[in-house]
Amino acid sequence: MITRETVAEVMAERSREVERNHGWLMFLCRPARDYESPPARSEAMIHLALTDLMARSLTGEHAISWRSLMKTH
């Protein structure tokens, strides 16, 4: 039997997945600030960012973070 708690848990998990993916897109290719270039370029950048994200998750490599980028400069 499906209860309200079960539906709420599923919705909360889905929301976290969507927010996490949106955060990665903003970190990797900043599509919201890409208004001066053609839409095809933005689409290609999103595909590249998601390909990188999928490759990292399949190989088990650690993802980059902005903190590690700040330490190198």
N, C-alpha and C. Protein backbone atom coordinates (compact mmCIF):
# COMPACT_ATOMS: atom_id res chain seq x y z
N MET A 1 0.83 -1.18 0.00
CA MET A 1 0.00 0.00 0.00
C MET A 1 0.88 1.25 0.00
N ILE A 2 0.53 2.20 -0.80
CA ILE A 2 1.29 3.44 -0.90
C ILE A 2 0.75 4.42 0.14
N THR A 3 1.64 4.95 0.94
CA THR A 3 1.25 5.92 1.96
C THR A 3 1.79 7.28 1.60
N ARG A 4 1.34 8.28 2.31
CA ARG A 4 1.83 9.64 2.08
C ARG A 4 3.33 9.74 2.35
N GLU A 5 3.80 9.03 3.37
CA GLU A 5 5.23 9.08 3.69
C GLU A 5 6.06 8.50 2.55
N THR A 6 5.58 7.43 1.95
CA THR A 6 6.30 6.81 0.84
C THR A 6 6.37 7.76 -0.35
N VAL A 7 5.26 8.39 -0.68
CA VAL A 7 5.23 9.34 -1.80
C VAL A 7 6.14 10.52 -1.50
N ALA A 8 6.11 11.01 -0.27
CA ALA A 8 6.96 12.14 0.11
C ALA A 8 8.43 11.78 0.01
N GLU A 9 8.80 10.57 0.42
CA GLU A 9 10.19 10.14 0.34
C GLU A 9 10.65 10.05 -1.10
N VAL A 10 9.81 9.51 -1.96
CA VAL A 10 10.16 9.39 -3.38
C VAL A 10 10.31 10.77 -4.00
N MET A 11 9.41 11.68 -3.69
CA MET A 11 9.48 13.03 -4.24
C MET A 11 10.72 13.77 -3.73
N ALA A 12 11.05 13.58 -2.46
CA ALA A 12 12.24 14.24 -1.91
C ALA A 12 13.50 13.71 -2.57
N GLU A 13 13.58 12.41 -2.80
CA GLU A 13 14.76 11.83 -3.46
C GLU A 13 14.88 12.36 -4.89
N ARG A 14 13.77 12.42 -5.60
CA ARG A 14 13.79 12.92 -6.98
C ARG A 14 14.20 14.39 -7.01
N SER A 15 13.73 15.15 -6.06
CA SER A 15 14.09 16.56 -5.98
C SER A 15 15.59 16.72 -5.76
N ARG A 16 16.17 15.90 -4.89
CA ARG A 16 17.62 15.98 -4.66
C ARG A 16 18.40 15.64 -5.92
N GLU A 17 17.93 14.64 -6.68
CA GLU A 17 18.61 14.27 -7.92
C GLU A 17 18.59 15.42 -8.92
N VAL A 18 17.45 16.05 -9.07
CA VAL A 18 17.32 17.16 -10.02
C VAL A 18 18.20 18.33 -9.58
N GLU A 19 18.17 18.67 -8.30
CA GLU A 19 18.98 19.78 -7.81
C GLU A 19 20.47 19.49 -7.95
N ARG A 20 20.87 18.25 -7.71
CA ARG A 20 22.28 17.88 -7.85
C ARG A 20 22.73 18.01 -9.30
N ASN A 21 21.92 17.52 -10.24
CA ASN A 21 22.27 17.64 -11.66
C ASN A 21 22.32 19.09 -12.09
N HIS A 22 21.39 19.89 -11.63
CA HIS A 22 21.40 21.32 -11.98
C HIS A 22 22.65 21.98 -11.42
N GLY A 23 23.02 21.63 -10.21
CA GLY A 23 24.24 22.18 -9.62
C GLY A 23 25.48 21.82 -10.41
N TRP A 24 25.57 20.57 -10.87
CA TRP A 24 26.72 20.17 -11.69
C TRP A 24 26.75 20.94 -13.00
N LEU A 25 25.60 21.13 -13.62
CA LEU A 25 25.58 21.90 -14.87
C LEU A 25 26.05 23.33 -14.63
N MET A 26 25.60 23.94 -13.57
CA MET A 26 26.01 25.31 -13.27
C MET A 26 27.51 25.37 -12.99
N PHE A 27 28.05 24.34 -12.34
CA PHE A 27 29.47 24.32 -12.03
C PHE A 27 30.32 24.09 -13.28
N LEU A 28 29.89 23.17 -14.14
CA LEU A 28 30.72 22.76 -15.26
C LEU A 28 30.62 23.67 -16.48
N CYS A 29 29.44 24.16 -16.80
CA CYS A 29 29.35 24.94 -18.05
C CYS A 29 28.59 26.24 -17.92
N ARG A 30 28.05 26.54 -16.77
CA ARG A 30 27.38 27.80 -16.51
C ARG A 30 26.39 28.19 -17.61
N PRO A 31 25.38 27.36 -17.88
CA PRO A 31 24.45 27.66 -18.98
C PRO A 31 23.63 28.92 -18.76
N ALA A 32 23.42 29.34 -17.53
CA ALA A 32 22.62 30.53 -17.28
C ALA A 32 23.34 31.80 -17.72
N ARG A 33 24.65 31.76 -17.79
CA ARG A 33 25.42 32.94 -18.16
C ARG A 33 25.93 32.86 -19.60
N ASP A 34 25.37 31.94 -20.34
CA ASP A 34 25.84 31.69 -21.70
C ASP A 34 24.88 32.29 -22.73
N TYR A 35 24.35 33.45 -22.45
CA TYR A 35 23.31 34.04 -23.29
C TYR A 35 23.85 34.67 -24.57
N GLU A 36 25.15 34.93 -24.65
CA GLU A 36 25.67 35.61 -25.83
C GLU A 36 26.09 34.66 -26.95
N SER A 37 26.08 33.38 -26.71
CA SER A 37 26.48 32.42 -27.74
C SER A 37 25.26 31.70 -28.31
N PRO A 38 25.42 31.07 -29.48
CA PRO A 38 24.28 30.38 -30.10
C PRO A 38 23.77 29.21 -29.25
N PRO A 39 22.49 28.89 -29.36
CA PRO A 39 21.93 27.78 -28.57
C PRO A 39 22.60 26.44 -28.85
N ALA A 40 23.08 26.22 -30.06
CA ALA A 40 23.74 24.94 -30.38
C ALA A 40 25.00 24.76 -29.53
N ARG A 41 25.71 25.84 -29.29
CA ARG A 41 26.91 25.76 -28.46
C ARG A 41 26.54 25.43 -27.02
N SER A 42 25.50 26.06 -26.52
CA SER A 42 25.05 25.76 -25.16
C SER A 42 24.64 24.30 -25.02
N GLU A 43 23.94 23.79 -26.02
CA GLU A 43 23.52 22.40 -25.99
C GLU A 43 24.73 21.47 -26.00
N ALA A 44 25.73 21.81 -26.81
CA ALA A 44 26.94 20.99 -26.87
C ALA A 44 27.68 21.01 -25.53
N MET A 45 27.74 22.17 -24.88
CA MET A 45 28.41 22.26 -23.59
C MET A 45 27.69 21.43 -22.52
N ILE A 46 26.36 21.42 -22.58
CA ILE A 46 25.60 20.61 -21.63
C ILE A 46 25.88 19.13 -21.86
N HIS A 47 25.93 18.72 -23.13
CA HIS A 47 26.23 17.32 -23.44
C HIS A 47 27.63 16.94 -22.95
N LEU A 48 28.60 17.82 -23.15
CA LEU A 48 29.96 17.55 -22.68
C LEU A 48 30.02 17.45 -21.16
N ALA A 49 29.33 18.35 -20.49
CA ALA A 49 29.34 18.34 -19.03
C ALA A 49 28.70 17.06 -18.50
N LEU A 50 27.59 16.65 -19.08
CA LEU A 50 26.92 15.44 -18.61
C LEU A 50 27.71 14.18 -18.98
N THR A 51 28.43 14.21 -20.11
CA THR A 51 29.29 13.09 -20.48
C THR A 51 30.42 12.95 -19.46
N ASP A 52 31.01 14.07 -19.07
CA ASP A 52 32.07 14.05 -18.06
C ASP A 52 31.53 13.52 -16.73
N LEU A 53 30.36 13.98 -16.34
CA LEU A 53 29.76 13.54 -15.09
C LEU A 53 29.47 12.04 -15.12
N MET A 54 28.94 11.54 -16.23
CA MET A 54 28.63 10.11 -16.35
C MET A 54 29.92 9.28 -16.34
N ALA A 55 30.96 9.75 -17.04
CA ALA A 55 32.22 9.01 -17.06
C ALA A 55 32.83 8.93 -15.67
N ARG A 56 32.76 10.01 -14.92
CA ARG A 56 33.30 10.00 -13.56
C ARG A 56 32.53 9.04 -12.67
N SER A 57 31.21 9.00 -12.83
CA SER A 57 30.43 8.10 -11.97
C SER A 57 30.65 6.64 -12.35
N LEU A 58 30.88 6.35 -13.63
CA LEU A 58 31.11 4.97 -14.05
C LEU A 58 32.50 4.47 -13.69
N THR A 59 33.50 5.35 -13.71
CA THR A 59 34.87 4.93 -13.41
C THR A 59 35.20 5.01 -11.93
N GLY A 60 34.37 5.68 -11.16
CA GLY A 60 34.61 5.79 -9.73
C GLY A 60 35.62 6.86 -9.36
N GLU A 61 35.98 7.72 -10.30
CA GLU A 61 36.90 8.80 -9.98
C GLU A 61 36.20 9.83 -9.11
N HIS A 62 36.99 10.54 -8.34
CA HIS A 62 36.43 11.61 -7.53
C HIS A 62 36.14 12.81 -8.42
N ALA A 63 35.06 13.45 -8.13
CA ALA A 63 34.68 14.63 -8.90
C ALA A 63 35.50 15.83 -8.45
N ILE A 64 35.71 16.75 -9.36
CA ILE A 64 36.42 17.97 -9.01
C ILE A 64 35.51 18.84 -8.17
N SER A 65 36.08 19.71 -7.40
CA SER A 65 35.28 20.65 -6.62
C SER A 65 35.91 22.03 -6.74
N TRP A 66 35.13 23.03 -6.47
CA TRP A 66 35.66 24.38 -6.57
C TRP A 66 36.71 24.63 -5.49
N ARG A 67 36.65 23.90 -4.39
CA ARG A 67 37.65 24.07 -3.34
C ARG A 67 39.03 23.63 -3.82
N SER A 68 39.08 22.51 -4.56
CA SER A 68 40.38 22.05 -5.05
C SER A 68 40.91 22.99 -6.13
N LEU A 69 40.01 23.62 -6.88
CA LEU A 69 40.46 24.57 -7.89
C LEU A 69 41.01 25.83 -7.25
N MET A 70 40.44 26.25 -6.14
CA MET A 70 40.90 27.46 -5.46
C MET A 70 42.29 27.25 -4.85
N LYS A 71 42.60 26.05 -4.40
CA LYS A 71 43.88 25.78 -3.76
C LYS A 71 45.04 25.80 -4.75
N THR A 72 44.78 25.55 -6.03
CA THR A 72 45.86 25.47 -7.00
C THR A 72 46.30 26.84 -7.49
N HIS A 73 45.49 27.87 -7.27
CA HIS A 73 45.84 29.21 -7.78
C HIS A 73 46.57 30.03 -6.77
